[in-house]
Amino acid sequence: APVWEESKGKDEKWRTGKIEIFQGAETTNSVTFESERG
């Protein structure tokens, strides 16, 4: 499952996204930005 998702902009301005990454015993080794064509 994605940890963050956005499907439409209110306008064409740049916005800021924030994601908390909590490391357990296993560490996150990558972040993927996925674009789906509309």
PDB file of all heavy atoms in Angstrom:
ATOM      1  N   ALA A   1       0.835  -1.204   0.000  1.00  0.00           N
ATOM      2  CA  ALA A   1       0.000   0.000   0.000  1.00  0.00           C
ATOM      3  C   ALA A   1       0.870   1.253   0.000  1.00  0.00           C
ATOM      4  O   ALA A   1       1.908   1.293   0.649  1.00  0.00           O
ATOM      5  CB  ALA A   1      -0.898   0.002   1.229  1.00  0.00           C
ATOM      6  N   PRO A   2       0.428   2.282  -0.720  1.00  0.00           N
ATOM      7  CA  PRO A   2       1.194   3.532  -0.677  1.00  0.00           C
ATOM      8  C   PRO A   2       1.096   4.174   0.704  1.00  0.00           C
ATOM      9  O   PRO A   2       0.084   4.039   1.382  1.00  0.00           O
ATOM     10  CB  PRO A   2       0.515   4.408  -1.737  1.00  0.00           C
ATOM     11  CG  PRO A   2      -0.832   3.823  -1.954  1.00  0.00           C
ATOM     12  CD  PRO A   2      -0.757   2.377  -1.580  1.00  0.00           C
ATOM     13  N   VAL A   3       2.164   4.863   1.103  1.00  0.00           N
ATOM     14  CA  VAL A   3       2.147   5.580   2.382  1.00  0.00           C
ATOM     15  C   VAL A   3       1.647   7.010   2.181  1.00  0.00           C
ATOM     16  O   VAL A   3       1.383   7.725   3.143  1.00  0.00           O
ATOM     17  CB  VAL A   3       3.542   5.594   3.053  1.00  0.00           C
ATOM     18  CG1 VAL A   3       3.928   4.192   3.490  1.00  0.00           C
ATOM     19  CG2 VAL A   3       4.595   6.191   2.139  1.00  0.00           C
ATOM     20  N   TRP A   4       1.520   7.411   0.904  1.00  0.00           N
ATOM     21  CA  TRP A   4       1.053   8.762   0.572  1.00  0.00           C
ATOM     22  C   TRP A   4       0.475   8.707  -0.836  1.00  0.00           C
ATOM     23  O   TRP A   4       0.993   7.992  -1.695  1.00  0.00           O
ATOM     24  CB  TRP A   4       2.244   9.720   0.636  1.00  0.00           C
ATOM     25  CG  TRP A   4       1.913  11.156   0.428  1.00  0.00           C
ATOM     26  CD1 TRP A   4       1.658  12.091   1.392  1.00  0.00           C
ATOM     27  CD2 TRP A   4       1.831  11.850  -0.831  1.00  0.00           C
ATOM     28  NE1 TRP A   4       1.420  13.311   0.805  1.00  0.00           N
ATOM     29  CE2 TRP A   4       1.517  13.181  -0.549  1.00  0.00           C
ATOM     30  CE3 TRP A   4       1.984  11.466  -2.157  1.00  0.00           C
ATOM     31  CZ2 TRP A   4       1.356  14.141  -1.550  1.00  0.00           C
ATOM     32  CZ3 TRP A   4       1.823  12.410  -3.153  1.00  0.00           C
ATOM     33  CH2 TRP A   4       1.517  13.732  -2.851  1.00  0.00           C
ATOM     34  N   GLU A   5      -0.614   9.471  -1.064  1.00  0.00           N
ATOM     35  CA  GLU A   5      -1.221   9.472  -2.394  1.00  0.00           C
ATOM     36  C   GLU A   5      -1.972  10.775  -2.623  1.00  0.00           C
ATOM     37  O   GLU A   5      -2.590  11.311  -1.712  1.00  0.00           O
ATOM     38  CB  GLU A   5      -2.193   8.288  -2.509  1.00  0.00           C
ATOM     39  CG  GLU A   5      -2.841   8.160  -3.858  1.00  0.00           C
ATOM     40  CD  GLU A   5      -3.638   6.858  -4.003  1.00  0.00           C
ATOM     41  OE1 GLU A   5      -3.614   6.020  -3.084  1.00  0.00           O
ATOM     42  OE2 GLU A   5      -4.273   6.706  -5.041  1.00  0.00           O
ATOM     43  N   GLU A   6      -1.899  11.278  -3.840  1.00  0.00           N
ATOM     44  CA  GLU A   6      -2.634  12.491  -4.213  1.00  0.00           C
ATOM     45  C   GLU A   6      -3.141  12.291  -5.638  1.00  0.00           C
ATOM     46  O   GLU A   6      -2.410  11.802  -6.501  1.00  0.00           O
ATOM     47  CB  GLU A   6      -1.700  13.699  -4.128  1.00  0.00           C
ATOM     48  CG  GLU A   6      -2.384  15.041  -4.226  1.00  0.00           C
ATOM     49  CD  GLU A   6      -3.311  15.333  -3.049  1.00  0.00           C
ATOM     50  OE1 GLU A   6      -2.839  15.339  -1.899  1.00  0.00           O
ATOM     51  OE2 GLU A   6      -4.508  15.538  -3.303  1.00  0.00           O
ATOM     52  N   SER A   7      -4.404  12.655  -5.881  1.00  0.00           N
ATOM     53  CA  SER A   7      -4.942  12.397  -7.212  1.00  0.00           C
ATOM     54  C   SER A   7      -5.322  13.642  -7.996  1.00  0.00           C
ATOM     55  O   SER A   7      -5.498  13.564  -9.195  1.00  0.00           O
ATOM     56  CB  SER A   7      -6.146  11.463  -7.139  1.00  0.00           C
ATOM     57  OG  SER A   7      -7.141  12.038  -6.344  1.00  0.00           O
ATOM     58  N   LYS A   8      -5.466  14.777  -7.339  1.00  0.00           N
ATOM     59  CA  LYS A   8      -5.686  15.966  -8.159  1.00  0.00           C
ATOM     60  C   LYS A   8      -5.248  17.206  -7.425  1.00  0.00           C
ATOM     61  O   LYS A   8      -5.325  17.269  -6.194  1.00  0.00           O
ATOM     62  CB  LYS A   8      -7.125  16.083  -8.618  1.00  0.00           C
ATOM     63  CG  LYS A   8      -8.122  16.299  -7.518  1.00  0.00           C
ATOM     64  CD  LYS A   8      -9.513  16.439  -8.122  1.00  0.00           C
ATOM     65  CE  LYS A   8     -10.414  17.112  -7.139  1.00  0.00           C
ATOM     66  NZ  LYS A   8     -11.700  16.557  -6.936  1.00  0.00           N
ATOM     67  N   GLY A   9      -4.780  18.153  -8.210  1.00  0.00           N
ATOM     68  CA  GLY A   9      -4.356  19.412  -7.618  1.00  0.00           C
ATOM     69  C   GLY A   9      -5.514  20.392  -7.618  1.00  0.00           C
ATOM     70  O   GLY A   9      -6.320  20.407  -8.537  1.00  0.00           O
ATOM     71  N   LYS A  10      -5.610  21.202  -6.577  1.00  0.00           N
ATOM     72  CA  LYS A  10      -6.636  22.245  -6.536  1.00  0.00           C
ATOM     73  C   LYS A  10      -6.311  23.319  -7.561  1.00  0.00           C
ATOM     74  O   LYS A  10      -7.166  23.991  -8.096  1.00  0.00           O
ATOM     75  CB  LYS A  10      -6.703  22.858  -5.132  1.00  0.00           C
ATOM     76  CG  LYS A  10      -7.122  21.878  -4.062  1.00  0.00           C
ATOM     77  CD  LYS A  10      -6.920  22.499  -2.681  1.00  0.00           C
ATOM     78  CE  LYS A  10      -6.955  21.466  -1.594  1.00  0.00           C
ATOM     79  NZ  LYS A  10      -5.878  20.471  -1.664  1.00  0.00           N
ATOM     80  N   ASP A  11      -5.036  23.492  -7.810  1.00  0.00           N
ATOM     81  CA  ASP A  11      -4.558  24.450  -8.799  1.00  0.00           C
ATOM     82  C   ASP A  11      -3.235  23.892  -9.306  1.00  0.00           C
ATOM     83  O   ASP A  11      -2.934  22.733  -9.064  1.00  0.00           O
ATOM     84  CB  ASP A  11      -4.393  25.841  -8.172  1.00  0.00           C
ATOM     85  CG  ASP A  11      -3.628  25.766  -6.863  1.00  0.00           C
ATOM     86  OD1 ASP A  11      -2.662  24.975  -6.774  1.00  0.00           O
ATOM     87  OD2 ASP A  11      -3.980  26.488  -5.917  1.00  0.00           O
ATOM     88  N   GLU A  12      -2.445  24.696  -9.981  1.00  0.00           N
ATOM     89  CA  GLU A  12      -1.201  24.160 -10.531  1.00  0.00           C
ATOM     90  C   GLU A  12       0.013  24.512  -9.680  1.00  0.00           C
ATOM     91  O   GLU A  12       1.137  24.406 -10.126  1.00  0.00           O
ATOM     92  CB  GLU A  12      -1.040  24.650 -11.968  1.00  0.00           C
ATOM     93  CG  GLU A  12      -2.289  24.343 -12.769  1.00  0.00           C
ATOM     94  CD  GLU A  12      -2.042  24.070 -14.237  1.00  0.00           C
ATOM     95  OE1 GLU A  12      -1.000  24.498 -14.746  1.00  0.00           O
ATOM     96  OE2 GLU A  12      -2.888  23.433 -14.865  1.00  0.00           O
ATOM     97  N   LYS A  13      -0.231  24.907  -8.420  1.00  0.00           N
ATOM     98  CA  LYS A  13       0.870  25.292  -7.540  1.00  0.00           C
ATOM     99  C   LYS A  13       1.619  24.075  -7.012  1.00  0.00           C
ATOM    100  O   LYS A  13       1.070  22.991  -6.890  1.00  0.00           O
ATOM    101  CB  LYS A  13       0.319  26.065  -6.327  1.00  0.00           C
ATOM    102  CG  LYS A  13      -0.189  27.435  -6.654  1.00  0.00           C
ATOM    103  CD  LYS A  13      -0.480  28.188  -5.358  1.00  0.00           C
ATOM    104  CE  LYS A  13      -0.909  29.598  -5.656  1.00  0.00           C
ATOM    105  NZ  LYS A  13      -2.262  29.901  -5.205  1.00  0.00           N
ATOM    106  N   TRP A  14       2.872  24.318  -6.642  1.00  0.00           N
ATOM    107  CA  TRP A  14       3.668  23.290  -5.963  1.00  0.00           C
ATOM    108  C   TRP A  14       3.194  23.203  -4.522  1.00  0.00           C
ATOM    109  O   TRP A  14       2.905  24.217  -3.895  1.00  0.00           O
ATOM    110  CB  TRP A  14       5.147  23.662  -6.010  1.00  0.00           C
ATOM    111  CG  TRP A  14       5.746  23.420  -7.355  1.00  0.00           C
ATOM    112  CD1 TRP A  14       5.827  24.304  -8.384  1.00  0.00           C
ATOM    113  CD2 TRP A  14       6.349  22.208  -7.826  1.00  0.00           C
ATOM    114  NE1 TRP A  14       6.432  23.717  -9.468  1.00  0.00           N
ATOM    115  CE2 TRP A  14       6.772  22.428  -9.148  1.00  0.00           C
ATOM    116  CE3 TRP A  14       6.569  20.956  -7.248  1.00  0.00           C
ATOM    117  CZ2 TRP A  14       7.393  21.450  -9.904  1.00  0.00           C
ATOM    118  CZ3 TRP A  14       7.195  19.982  -7.998  1.00  0.00           C
ATOM    119  CH2 TRP A  14       7.597  20.230  -9.314  1.00  0.00           C
ATOM    120  N   ARG A  15       3.105  22.004  -3.997  1.00  0.00           N
ATOM    121  CA  ARG A  15       2.717  21.759  -2.616  1.00  0.00           C
ATOM    122  C   ARG A  15       3.818  20.942  -1.936  1.00  0.00           C
ATOM    123  O   ARG A  15       4.690  20.398  -2.601  1.00  0.00           O
ATOM    124  CB  ARG A  15       1.413  20.960  -2.569  1.00  0.00           C
ATOM    125  CG  ARG A  15       0.291  21.621  -3.339  1.00  0.00           C
ATOM    126  CD  ARG A  15      -0.918  21.779  -2.458  1.00  0.00           C
ATOM    127  NE  ARG A  15      -2.022  22.404  -3.147  1.00  0.00           N
ATOM    128  CZ  ARG A  15      -2.246  23.712  -3.190  1.00  0.00           C
ATOM    129  NH1 ARG A  15      -1.427  24.538  -2.592  1.00  0.00           N
ATOM    130  NH2 ARG A  15      -3.280  24.216  -3.815  1.00  0.00           N
ATOM    131  N   THR A  16       3.727  20.826  -0.611  1.00  0.00           N
ATOM    132  CA  THR A  16       4.720  20.053   0.139  1.00  0.00           C
ATOM    133  C   THR A  16       4.081  18.796   0.692  1.00  0.00           C
ATOM    134  O   THR A  16       3.004  18.853   1.286  1.00  0.00           O
ATOM    135  CB  THR A  16       5.286  20.892   1.301  1.00  0.00           C
ATOM    136  OG1 THR A  16       5.881  22.065   0.749  1.00  0.00           O
ATOM    137  CG2 THR A  16       6.332  20.111   2.078  1.00  0.00           C
ATOM    138  N   GLY A  17       4.738  17.664   0.485  1.00  0.00           N
ATOM    139  CA  GLY A  17       4.307  16.395   1.071  1.00  0.00           C
ATOM    140  C   GLY A  17       5.276  16.009   2.174  1.00  0.00           C
ATOM    141  O   GLY A  17       6.476  16.293   2.081  1.00  0.00           O
ATOM    142  N   LYS A  18       4.754  15.364   3.222  1.00  0.00           N
ATOM    143  CA  LYS A  18       5.608  14.894   4.327  1.00  0.00           C
ATOM    144  C   LYS A  18       5.213  13.473   4.681  1.00  0.00           C
ATOM    145  O   LYS A  18       4.025  13.168   4.763  1.00  0.00           O
ATOM    146  CB  LYS A  18       5.409  15.759   5.574  1.00  0.00           C
ATOM    147  CG  LYS A  18       5.895  17.164   5.471  1.00  0.00           C
ATOM    148  CD  LYS A  18       5.643  17.861   6.790  1.00  0.00           C
ATOM    149  CE  LYS A  18       5.910  19.352   6.666  1.00  0.00           C
ATOM    150  NZ  LYS A  18       5.555  20.049   7.899  1.00  0.00           N
ATOM    151  N   ILE A  19       6.209  12.628   4.898  1.00  0.00           N
ATOM    152  CA  ILE A  19       5.957  11.242   5.278  1.00  0.00           C
ATOM    153  C   ILE A  19       6.883  10.876   6.426  1.00  0.00           C
ATOM    154  O   ILE A  19       8.089  11.071   6.340  1.00  0.00           O
ATOM    155  CB  ILE A  19       6.229  10.284   4.101  1.00  0.00           C
ATOM    156  CG1 ILE A  19       5.301  10.613   2.926  1.00  0.00           C
ATOM    157  CG2 ILE A  19       6.056   8.833   4.527  1.00  0.00           C
ATOM    158  CD1 ILE A  19       5.714   9.949   1.644  1.00  0.00           C
ATOM    159  N   GLU A  20       6.283  10.357   7.502  1.00  0.00           N
ATOM    160  CA  GLU A  20       7.089   9.859   8.622  1.00  0.00           C
ATOM    161  C   GLU A  20       7.581   8.456   8.267  1.00  0.00           C
ATOM    162  O   GLU A  20       6.789   7.621   7.810  1.00  0.00           O
ATOM    163  CB  GLU A  20       6.233   9.750   9.891  1.00  0.00           C
ATOM    164  CG  GLU A  20       5.578  11.050  10.308  1.00  0.00           C
ATOM    165  CD  GLU A  20       6.405  11.853  11.278  1.00  0.00           C
ATOM    166  OE1 GLU A  20       7.515  11.415  11.647  1.00  0.00           O
ATOM    167  OE2 GLU A  20       5.945  12.928  11.676  1.00  0.00           O
ATOM    168  N   ILE A  21       8.852   8.215   8.452  1.00  0.00           N
ATOM    169  CA  ILE A  21       9.416   6.881   8.241  1.00  0.00           C
ATOM    170  C   ILE A  21       9.924   6.377   9.582  1.00  0.00           C
ATOM    171  O   ILE A  21      10.875   6.929  10.130  1.00  0.00           O
ATOM    172  CB  ILE A  21      10.563   6.923   7.205  1.00  0.00           C
ATOM    173  CG1 ILE A  21      10.064   7.473   5.861  1.00  0.00           C
ATOM    174  CG2 ILE A  21      11.171   5.532   7.034  1.00  0.00           C
ATOM    175  CD1 ILE A  21      11.173   7.650   4.834  1.00  0.00           C
ATOM    176  N   PHE A  22       9.239   5.382  10.125  1.00  0.00           N
ATOM    177  CA  PHE A  22       9.657   4.796  11.399  1.00  0.00           C
ATOM    178  C   PHE A  22      10.436   3.527  11.103  1.00  0.00           C
ATOM    179  O   PHE A  22       9.921   2.623  10.456  1.00  0.00           O
ATOM    180  CB  PHE A  22       8.437   4.472  12.276  1.00  0.00           C
ATOM    181  CG  PHE A  22       7.649   5.688  12.653  1.00  0.00           C
ATOM    182  CD1 PHE A  22       6.415   5.935  12.071  1.00  0.00           C
ATOM    183  CD2 PHE A  22       8.144   6.605  13.570  1.00  0.00           C
ATOM    184  CE1 PHE A  22       5.684   7.071  12.400  1.00  0.00           C
ATOM    185  CE2 PHE A  22       7.422   7.739  13.909  1.00  0.00           C
ATOM    186  CZ  PHE A  22       6.192   7.968  13.329  1.00  0.00           C
ATOM    187  N   GLN A  23      11.660   3.470  11.555  1.00  0.00           N
ATOM    188  CA  GLN A  23      12.503   2.303  11.328  1.00  0.00           C
ATOM    189  C   GLN A  23      12.347   1.325  12.478  1.00  0.00           C
ATOM    190  O   GLN A  23      12.524   1.706  13.625  1.00  0.00           O
ATOM    191  CB  GLN A  23      13.979   2.725  11.247  1.00  0.00           C
ATOM    192  CG  GLN A  23      14.253   3.746  10.184  1.00  0.00           C
ATOM    193  CD  GLN A  23      14.208   3.143   8.803  1.00  0.00           C
ATOM    194  OE1 GLN A  23      13.196   2.661   8.339  1.00  0.00           O
ATOM    195  NE2 GLN A  23      15.330   3.154   8.144  1.00  0.00           N
ATOM    196  N   GLY A  24      12.037   0.087  12.141  1.00  0.00           N
ATOM    197  CA  GLY A  24      12.039  -0.969  13.148  1.00  0.00           C
ATOM    198  C   GLY A  24      13.399  -1.644  13.109  1.00  0.00           C
ATOM    199  O   GLY A  24      14.419  -1.003  12.852  1.00  0.00           O
ATOM    200  N   ALA A  25      13.400  -2.939  13.334  1.00  0.00           N
ATOM    201  CA  ALA A  25      14.654  -3.691  13.213  1.00  0.00           C
ATOM    202  C   ALA A  25      15.085  -3.726  11.745  1.00  0.00           C
ATOM    203  O   ALA A  25      16.260  -3.672  11.417  1.00  0.00           O
ATOM    204  CB  ALA A  25      14.463  -5.102  13.737  1.00  0.00           C
ATOM    205  N   GLU A  26      14.078  -3.805  10.838  1.00  0.00           N
ATOM    206  CA  GLU A  26      14.381  -3.742   9.405  1.00  0.00           C
ATOM    207  C   GLU A  26      14.319  -2.283   8.971  1.00  0.00           C
ATOM    208  O   GLU A  26      13.379  -1.579   9.305  1.00  0.00           O
ATOM    209  CB  GLU A  26      13.334  -4.511   8.598  1.00  0.00           C
ATOM    210  CG  GLU A  26      13.492  -6.000   8.639  1.00  0.00           C
ATOM    211  CD  GLU A  26      12.471  -6.677   7.733  1.00  0.00           C
ATOM    212  OE1 GLU A  26      12.169  -6.131   6.655  1.00  0.00           O
ATOM    213  OE2 GLU A  26      11.988  -7.741   8.124  1.00  0.00           O
ATOM    214  N   THR A  27      15.313  -1.849   8.213  1.00  0.00           N
ATOM    215  CA  THR A  27      15.301  -0.458   7.784  1.00  0.00           C
ATOM    216  C   THR A  27      14.755  -0.335   6.363  1.00  0.00           C
ATOM    217  O   THR A  27      14.875  -1.250   5.564  1.00  0.00           O
ATOM    218  CB  THR A  27      16.717   0.150   7.828  1.00  0.00           C
ATOM    219  OG1 THR A  27      17.563  -0.616   6.983  1.00  0.00           O
ATOM    220  CG2 THR A  27      17.266   0.166   9.234  1.00  0.00           C
ATOM    221  N   THR A  28      14.149   0.807   6.103  1.00  0.00           N
ATOM    222  CA  THR A  28      13.660   1.111   4.766  1.00  0.00           C
ATOM    223  C   THR A  28      14.875   1.382   3.891  1.00  0.00           C
ATOM    224  O   THR A  28      15.718   2.191   4.249  1.00  0.00           O
ATOM    225  CB  THR A  28      12.772   2.378   4.814  1.00  0.00           C
ATOM    226  OG1 THR A  28      11.698   2.128   5.705  1.00  0.00           O
ATOM    227  CG2 THR A  28      12.240   2.737   3.449  1.00  0.00           C
ATOM    228  N   ASN A  29      14.957   0.713   2.744  1.00  0.00           N
ATOM    229  CA  ASN A  29      16.130   0.947   1.890  1.00  0.00           C
ATOM    230  C   ASN A  29      15.793   1.666   0.602  1.00  0.00           C
ATOM    231  O   ASN A  29      16.665   1.939  -0.198  1.00  0.00           O
ATOM    232  CB  ASN A  29      16.866  -0.367   1.607  1.00  0.00           C
ATOM    233  CG  ASN A  29      15.993  -1.361   0.874  1.00  0.00           C
ATOM    234  OD1 ASN A  29      14.850  -1.064   0.537  1.00  0.00           O
ATOM    235  ND2 ASN A  29      16.528  -2.534   0.632  1.00  0.00           N
ATOM    236  N   SER A  30      14.502   1.989   0.400  1.00  0.00           N
ATOM    237  CA  SER A  30      14.160   2.794  -0.770  1.00  0.00           C
ATOM    238  C   SER A  30      12.789   3.432  -0.622  1.00  0.00           C
ATOM    239  O   SER A  30      11.944   2.968   0.138  1.00  0.00           O
ATOM    240  CB  SER A  30      14.211   1.951  -2.047  1.00  0.00           C
ATOM    241  OG  SER A  30      13.132   1.049  -2.075  1.00  0.00           O
ATOM    242  N   VAL A  31      12.615   4.522  -1.354  1.00  0.00           N
ATOM    243  CA  VAL A  31      11.341   5.223  -1.464  1.00  0.00           C
ATOM    244  C   VAL A  31      11.036   5.297  -2.953  1.00  0.00           C
ATOM    245  O   VAL A  31      11.917   5.639  -3.741  1.00  0.00           O
ATOM    246  CB  VAL A  31      11.444   6.651  -0.888  1.00  0.00           C
ATOM    247  CG1 VAL A  31      10.163   7.427  -1.131  1.00  0.00           C
ATOM    248  CG2 VAL A  31      11.772   6.618   0.593  1.00  0.00           C
ATOM    249  N   THR A  32       9.804   4.958  -3.348  1.00  0.00           N
ATOM    250  CA  THR A  32       9.435   4.988  -4.757  1.00  0.00           C
ATOM    251  C   THR A  32       8.329   6.005  -4.987  1.00  0.00           C
ATOM    252  O   THR A  32       7.303   5.979  -4.310  1.00  0.00           O
ATOM    253  CB  THR A  32       8.966   3.600  -5.230  1.00  0.00           C
ATOM    254  OG1 THR A  32      10.015   2.660  -5.019  1.00  0.00           O
ATOM    255  CG2 THR A  32       8.609   3.613  -6.709  1.00  0.00           C
ATOM    256  N   PHE A  33       8.551   6.906  -5.951  1.00  0.00           N
ATOM    257  CA  PHE A  33       7.530   7.849  -6.407  1.00  0.00           C
ATOM    258  C   PHE A  33       6.903   7.240  -7.653  1.00  0.00           C
ATOM    259  O   PHE A  33       7.604   6.993  -8.638  1.00  0.00           O
ATOM    260  CB  PHE A  33       8.155   9.208  -6.723  1.00  0.00           C
ATOM    261  CG  PHE A  33       8.591   9.959  -5.504  1.00  0.00           C
ATOM    262  CD1 PHE A  33       9.845   9.747  -4.951  1.00  0.00           C
ATOM    263  CD2 PHE A  33       7.740  10.870  -4.892  1.00  0.00           C
ATOM    264  CE1 PHE A  33      10.253  10.433  -3.811  1.00  0.00           C
ATOM    265  CE2 PHE A  33       8.138  11.555  -3.745  1.00  0.00           C
ATOM    266  CZ  PHE A  33       9.401  11.335  -3.208  1.00  0.00           C
ATOM    267  N   GLU A  34       5.598   6.974  -7.601  1.00  0.00           N
ATOM    268  CA  GLU A  34       4.906   6.326  -8.711  1.00  0.00           C
ATOM    269  C   GLU A  34       3.884   7.280  -9.316  1.00  0.00           C
ATOM    270  O   GLU A  34       3.042   7.830  -8.618  1.00  0.00           O
ATOM    271  CB  GLU A  34       4.194   5.069  -8.211  1.00  0.00           C
ATOM    272  CG  GLU A  34       3.406   4.336  -9.282  1.00  0.00           C
ATOM    273  CD  GLU A  34       2.661   3.144  -8.713  1.00  0.00           C
ATOM    274  OE1 GLU A  34       1.550   3.335  -8.167  1.00  0.00           O
ATOM    275  OE2 GLU A  34       3.208   2.031  -8.792  1.00  0.00           O
ATOM    276  N   SER A  35       3.966   7.469 -10.605  1.00  0.00           N
ATOM    277  CA  SER A  35       3.014   8.295 -11.338  1.00  0.00           C
ATOM    278  C   SER A  35       2.092   7.386 -12.128  1.00  0.00           C
ATOM    279  O   SER A  35       2.564   6.501 -12.847  1.00  0.00           O
ATOM    280  CB  SER A  35       3.794   9.207 -12.292  1.00  0.00           C
ATOM    281  OG  SER A  35       2.916   9.814 -13.197  1.00  0.00           O
ATOM    282  N   GLU A  36       0.781   7.577 -11.965  1.00  0.00           N
ATOM    283  CA  GLU A  36      -0.188   6.820 -12.758  1.00  0.00           C
ATOM    284  C   GLU A  36      -0.860   7.764 -13.740  1.00  0.00           C
ATOM    285  O   GLU A  36      -1.384   8.800 -13.358  1.00  0.00           O
ATOM    286  CB  GLU A  36      -1.243   6.171 -11.863  1.00  0.00           C
ATOM    287  CG  GLU A  36      -2.271   5.388 -12.657  1.00  0.00           C
ATOM    288  CD  GLU A  36      -3.365   4.769 -11.794  1.00  0.00           C
ATOM    289  OE1 GLU A  36      -3.146   4.616 -10.573  1.00  0.00           O
ATOM    290  OE2 GLU A  36      -4.424   4.454 -12.338  1.00  0.00           O
ATOM    291  N   ARG A  37      -0.847   7.391 -14.999  1.00  0.00           N
ATOM    292  CA  ARG A  37      -1.421   8.220 -16.057  1.00  0.00           C
ATOM    293  C   ARG A  37      -2.944   8.290 -15.912  1.00  0.00           C
ATOM    294  O   ARG A  37      -3.591   7.281 -15.661  1.00  0.00           O
ATOM    295  CB  ARG A  37      -1.055   7.583 -17.405  1.00  0.00           C
ATOM    296  CG  ARG A  37      -1.848   8.063 -18.594  1.00  0.00           C
ATOM    297  CD  ARG A  37      -1.140   9.211 -19.267  1.00  0.00           C
ATOM    298  NE  ARG A  37      -1.490   9.314 -20.669  1.00  0.00           N
ATOM    299  CZ  ARG A  37      -2.544   9.949 -21.149  1.00  0.00           C
ATOM    300  NH1 ARG A  37      -3.397  10.527 -20.328  1.00  0.00           N
ATOM    301  NH2 ARG A  37      -2.758  10.022 -22.436  1.00  0.00           N
ATOM    302  N   GLY A  38      -3.477   9.501 -16.036  1.00  0.00           N
ATOM    303  CA  GLY A  38      -4.923   9.695 -15.991  1.00  0.00           C
ATOM    304  C   GLY A  38      -5.502   9.810 -17.388  1.00  0.00           C
ATOM    305  O   GLY A  38      -4.866   9.437 -18.372  1.00  0.00           O
TER     306      GLY A  38
END
